[in-house]
Amino acid sequence: MNVQLVAVLLLAGISTVYGIKCYVCTSATTSGCGDNFSLSPSSSKYIMNNCTTCQKGFVESLITRTCSPARISTGCVEVLGVGTCSCSTDLCNSSGGVFVKPVLLVAALVSVILLNLLRV
């Protein structure tokens, strides 16, 4: 019985061994890796397998797309012009991501509050 239980647990764990695919490149050395992303899924030279999380990072105009073996929560963060987006599906780091600047967020919230106050 114990052997069967171990076999089932091992088989269940196999699916977690195979990870997702991520683009791996930098705009400093690869045209098509920047904000105007144009690499194709058939560009296997720029794809890494068995990743847990894909990431896209930027500092000013430099864009980097990477594969992470660590499980990182998905979403985007930007602080002082340095940002990163993390995602967990195949080739998801090809997109631009949504970076919300704090000033724009505050302006949007103030606008919503003012609109609601003016309706009354």
C-alpha atoms as a PDB file:
ATOM      1  CA  MET A   1       0.000   0.000   0.000  1.00  0.00           C
ATOM      2  CA  ASN A   2       2.782   2.435   0.878  1.00  0.00           C
ATOM      3  CA  VAL A   3       4.505   1.781  -2.462  1.00  0.00           C
ATOM      4  CA  GLN A   4       1.301   2.638  -4.333  1.00  0.00           C
ATOM      5  CA  LEU A   5       0.877   5.844  -2.339  1.00  0.00           C
ATOM      6  CA  VAL A   6       4.459   6.915  -3.072  1.00  0.00           C
ATOM      7  CA  ALA A   7       3.991   6.133  -6.786  1.00  0.00           C
ATOM      8  CA  VAL A   8       0.812   8.247  -6.948  1.00  0.00           C
ATOM      9  CA  LEU A   9       2.498  11.150  -5.163  1.00  0.00           C
ATOM     10  CA  LEU A  10       5.505  10.985  -7.496  1.00  0.00           C
ATOM     11  CA  LEU A  11       3.279  10.945 -10.578  1.00  0.00           C
ATOM     12  CA  ALA A  12       1.272  13.870  -9.223  1.00  0.00           C
ATOM     13  CA  GLY A  13       4.473  15.839  -8.714  1.00  0.00           C
ATOM     14  CA  ILE A  14       5.716  15.266 -12.268  1.00  0.00           C
ATOM     15  CA  SER A  15       3.407  17.932 -13.654  1.00  0.00           C
ATOM     16  CA  THR A  16       5.088  20.551 -11.478  1.00  0.00           C
ATOM     17  CA  VAL A  17       8.529  19.624 -12.833  1.00  0.00           C
ATOM     18  CA  TYR A  18       7.583  20.824 -16.301  1.00  0.00           C
ATOM     19  CA  GLY A  19       7.418  24.590 -16.143  1.00  0.00           C
ATOM     20  CA  ILE A  20       6.319  27.318 -18.476  1.00  0.00           C
ATOM     21  CA  LYS A  21       8.192  28.898 -21.381  1.00  0.00           C
ATOM     22  CA  CYS A  22       9.509  32.459 -21.103  1.00  0.00           C
ATOM     23  CA  TYR A  23      11.226  34.870 -23.449  1.00  0.00           C
ATOM     24  CA  VAL A  24      14.807  35.562 -22.343  1.00  0.00           C
ATOM     25  CA  CYS A  25      16.431  38.606 -23.953  1.00  0.00           C
ATOM     26  CA  THR A  26      17.471  42.199 -23.413  1.00  0.00           C
ATOM     27  CA  SER A  27      16.840  45.241 -25.565  1.00  0.00           C
ATOM     28  CA  ALA A  28      20.535  46.170 -25.198  1.00  0.00           C
ATOM     29  CA  THR A  29      21.588  43.252 -27.407  1.00  0.00           C
ATOM     30  CA  THR A  30      18.442  41.991 -29.141  1.00  0.00           C
ATOM     31  CA  SER A  31      16.373  44.081 -31.516  1.00  0.00           C
ATOM     32  CA  GLY A  32      12.735  43.131 -31.089  1.00  0.00           C
ATOM     33  CA  CYS A  33      13.073  42.679 -27.328  1.00  0.00           C
ATOM     34  CA  GLY A  34      12.206  46.275 -26.391  1.00  0.00           C
ATOM     35  CA  ASP A  35       8.817  47.887 -25.791  1.00  0.00           C
ATOM     36  CA  ASN A  36       7.890  47.239 -29.436  1.00  0.00           C
ATOM     37  CA  PHE A  37       8.256  43.492 -28.895  1.00  0.00           C
ATOM     38  CA  SER A  38       8.517  41.589 -32.166  1.00  0.00           C
ATOM     39  CA  LEU A  39      10.147  38.227 -31.405  1.00  0.00           C
ATOM     40  CA  SER A  40       8.232  35.211 -32.638  1.00  0.00           C
ATOM     41  CA  PRO A  41       7.398  32.107 -30.575  1.00  0.00           C
ATOM     42  CA  SER A  42       9.403  30.238 -33.230  1.00  0.00           C
ATOM     43  CA  SER A  43      12.521  32.209 -32.155  1.00  0.00           C
ATOM     44  CA  SER A  44      13.616  29.348 -29.897  1.00  0.00           C
ATOM     45  CA  LYS A  45      16.996  31.041 -29.375  1.00  0.00           C
ATOM     46  CA  TYR A  46      15.184  33.508 -27.081  1.00  0.00           C
ATOM     47  CA  ILE A  47      12.919  31.039 -25.252  1.00  0.00           C
ATOM     48  CA  MET A  48      13.758  29.192 -22.048  1.00  0.00           C
ATOM     49  CA  ASN A  49      11.759  26.183 -20.855  1.00  0.00           C
ATOM     50  CA  ASN A  50      10.994  24.887 -17.374  1.00  0.00           C
ATOM     51  CA  CYS A  51      10.468  28.305 -15.775  1.00  0.00           C
ATOM     52  CA  THR A  52       8.174  28.892 -12.820  1.00  0.00           C
ATOM     53  CA  THR A  53       7.587  32.604 -13.467  1.00  0.00           C
ATOM     54  CA  CYS A  54       8.312  34.877 -16.437  1.00  0.00           C
ATOM     55  CA  GLN A  55       9.412  38.452 -15.851  1.00  0.00           C
ATOM     56  CA  LYS A  56       9.807  41.671 -17.795  1.00  0.00           C
ATOM     57  CA  GLY A  57      11.858  44.403 -16.185  1.00  0.00           C
ATOM     58  CA  PHE A  58      12.813  47.891 -17.252  1.00  0.00           C
ATOM     59  CA  VAL A  59      15.165  50.665 -16.242  1.00  0.00           C
ATOM     60  CA  GLU A  60      14.611  53.775 -18.378  1.00  0.00           C
ATOM     61  CA  SER A  61      14.689  52.448 -21.969  1.00  0.00           C
ATOM     62  CA  LEU A  62      16.411  49.115 -21.175  1.00  0.00           C
ATOM     63  CA  ILE A  63      14.001  46.161 -21.271  1.00  0.00           C
ATOM     64  CA  THR A  64      14.936  42.714 -19.950  1.00  0.00           C
ATOM     65  CA  ARG A  65      12.821  39.565 -20.202  1.00  0.00           C
ATOM     66  CA  THR A  66      13.771  36.652 -17.960  1.00  0.00           C
ATOM     67  CA  CYS A  67      12.839  33.231 -16.613  1.00  0.00           C
ATOM     68  CA  SER A  68      12.684  32.698 -12.865  1.00  0.00           C
ATOM     69  CA  PRO A  69      12.795  29.343 -11.086  1.00  0.00           C
ATOM     70  CA  ALA A  70      11.086  30.969  -8.075  1.00  0.00           C
ATOM     71  CA  ARG A  71       7.328  31.349  -7.739  1.00  0.00           C
ATOM     72  CA  ILE A  72       6.710  35.109  -7.720  1.00  0.00           C
ATOM     73  CA  SER A  73       3.286  36.704  -7.391  1.00  0.00           C
ATOM     74  CA  THR A  74       1.958  37.960 -10.706  1.00  0.00           C
ATOM     75  CA  GLY A  75       1.499  41.633 -11.408  1.00  0.00           C
ATOM     76  CA  CYS A  76       3.531  44.771 -12.002  1.00  0.00           C
ATOM     77  CA  VAL A  77       5.455  47.130  -9.750  1.00  0.00           C
ATOM     78  CA  GLU A  78       7.256  50.375 -10.596  1.00  0.00           C
ATOM     79  CA  VAL A  79       9.333  52.518  -8.245  1.00  0.00           C
ATOM     80  CA  LEU A  80      11.329  55.560  -9.372  1.00  0.00           C
ATOM     81  CA  GLY A  81      11.463  54.518 -13.028  1.00  0.00           C
ATOM     82  CA  VAL A  82      12.477  50.918 -12.328  1.00  0.00           C
ATOM     83  CA  GLY A  83       9.763  48.348 -12.908  1.00  0.00           C
ATOM     84  CA  THR A  84       9.043  44.665 -13.207  1.00  0.00           C
ATOM     85  CA  CYS A  85       6.090  42.529 -14.252  1.00  0.00           C
ATOM     86  CA  SER A  86       5.747  38.851 -13.369  1.00  0.00           C
ATOM     87  CA  CYS A  87       3.398  36.306 -14.933  1.00  0.00           C
ATOM     88  CA  SER A  88       2.919  32.552 -14.977  1.00  0.00           C
ATOM     89  CA  THR A  89       1.704  31.387 -18.395  1.00  0.00           C
ATOM     90  CA  ASP A  90       3.665  30.375 -21.502  1.00  0.00           C
ATOM     91  CA  LEU A  91       5.461  33.313 -23.151  1.00  0.00           C
ATOM     92  CA  CYS A  92       3.473  35.831 -21.097  1.00  0.00           C
ATOM     93  CA  ASN A  93       6.450  38.199 -20.758  1.00  0.00           C
ATOM     94  CA  SER A  94       6.082  39.315 -24.378  1.00  0.00           C
ATOM     95  CA  SER A  95       3.434  41.870 -23.461  1.00  0.00           C
ATOM     96  CA  GLY A  96       4.062  45.421 -22.379  1.00  0.00           C
ATOM     97  CA  GLY A  97       2.486  45.045 -18.976  1.00  0.00           C
ATOM     98  CA  VAL A  98       0.529  47.692 -17.174  1.00  0.00           C
ATOM     99  CA  PHE A  99       2.589  50.075 -15.092  1.00  0.00           C
ATOM    100  CA  VAL A 100       0.528  52.517 -13.082  1.00  0.00           C
ATOM    101  CA  LYS A 101       2.361  55.609 -11.925  1.00  0.00           C
ATOM    102  CA  PRO A 102       1.298  56.656  -8.400  1.00  0.00           C
ATOM    103  CA  VAL A 103       0.538  60.222  -9.552  1.00  0.00           C
ATOM    104  CA  LEU A 104      -1.875  58.921 -12.197  1.00  0.00           C
ATOM    105  CA  LEU A 105      -3.533  56.627  -9.670  1.00  0.00           C
ATOM    106  CA  VAL A 106      -4.112  59.508  -7.241  1.00  0.00           C
ATOM    107  CA  ALA A 107      -5.441  61.712 -10.076  1.00  0.00           C
ATOM    108  CA  ALA A 108      -7.863  58.970 -11.123  1.00  0.00           C
ATOM    109  CA  LEU A 109      -9.117  58.494  -7.548  1.00  0.00           C
ATOM    110  CA  VAL A 110      -9.612  62.243  -7.041  1.00  0.00           C
ATOM    111  CA  SER A 111     -11.524  62.436 -10.341  1.00  0.00           C
ATOM    112  CA  VAL A 112     -13.855  59.611  -9.319  1.00  0.00           C
ATOM    113  CA  ILE A 113     -14.496  61.194  -5.930  1.00  0.00           C
ATOM    114  CA  LEU A 114     -15.198  64.610  -7.475  1.00  0.00           C
ATOM    115  CA  LEU A 115     -17.552  63.126 -10.069  1.00  0.00           C
ATOM    116  CA  ASN A 116     -19.465  61.297  -7.332  1.00  0.00           C
ATOM    117  CA  LEU A 117     -19.703  64.483  -5.230  1.00  0.00           C
ATOM    118  CA  LEU A 118     -20.961  66.543  -8.192  1.00  0.00           C
ATOM    119  CA  ARG A 119     -23.770  64.066  -8.919  1.00  0.00           C
ATOM    120  CA  VAL A 120     -25.374  64.674  -5.532  1.00  0.00           C
END
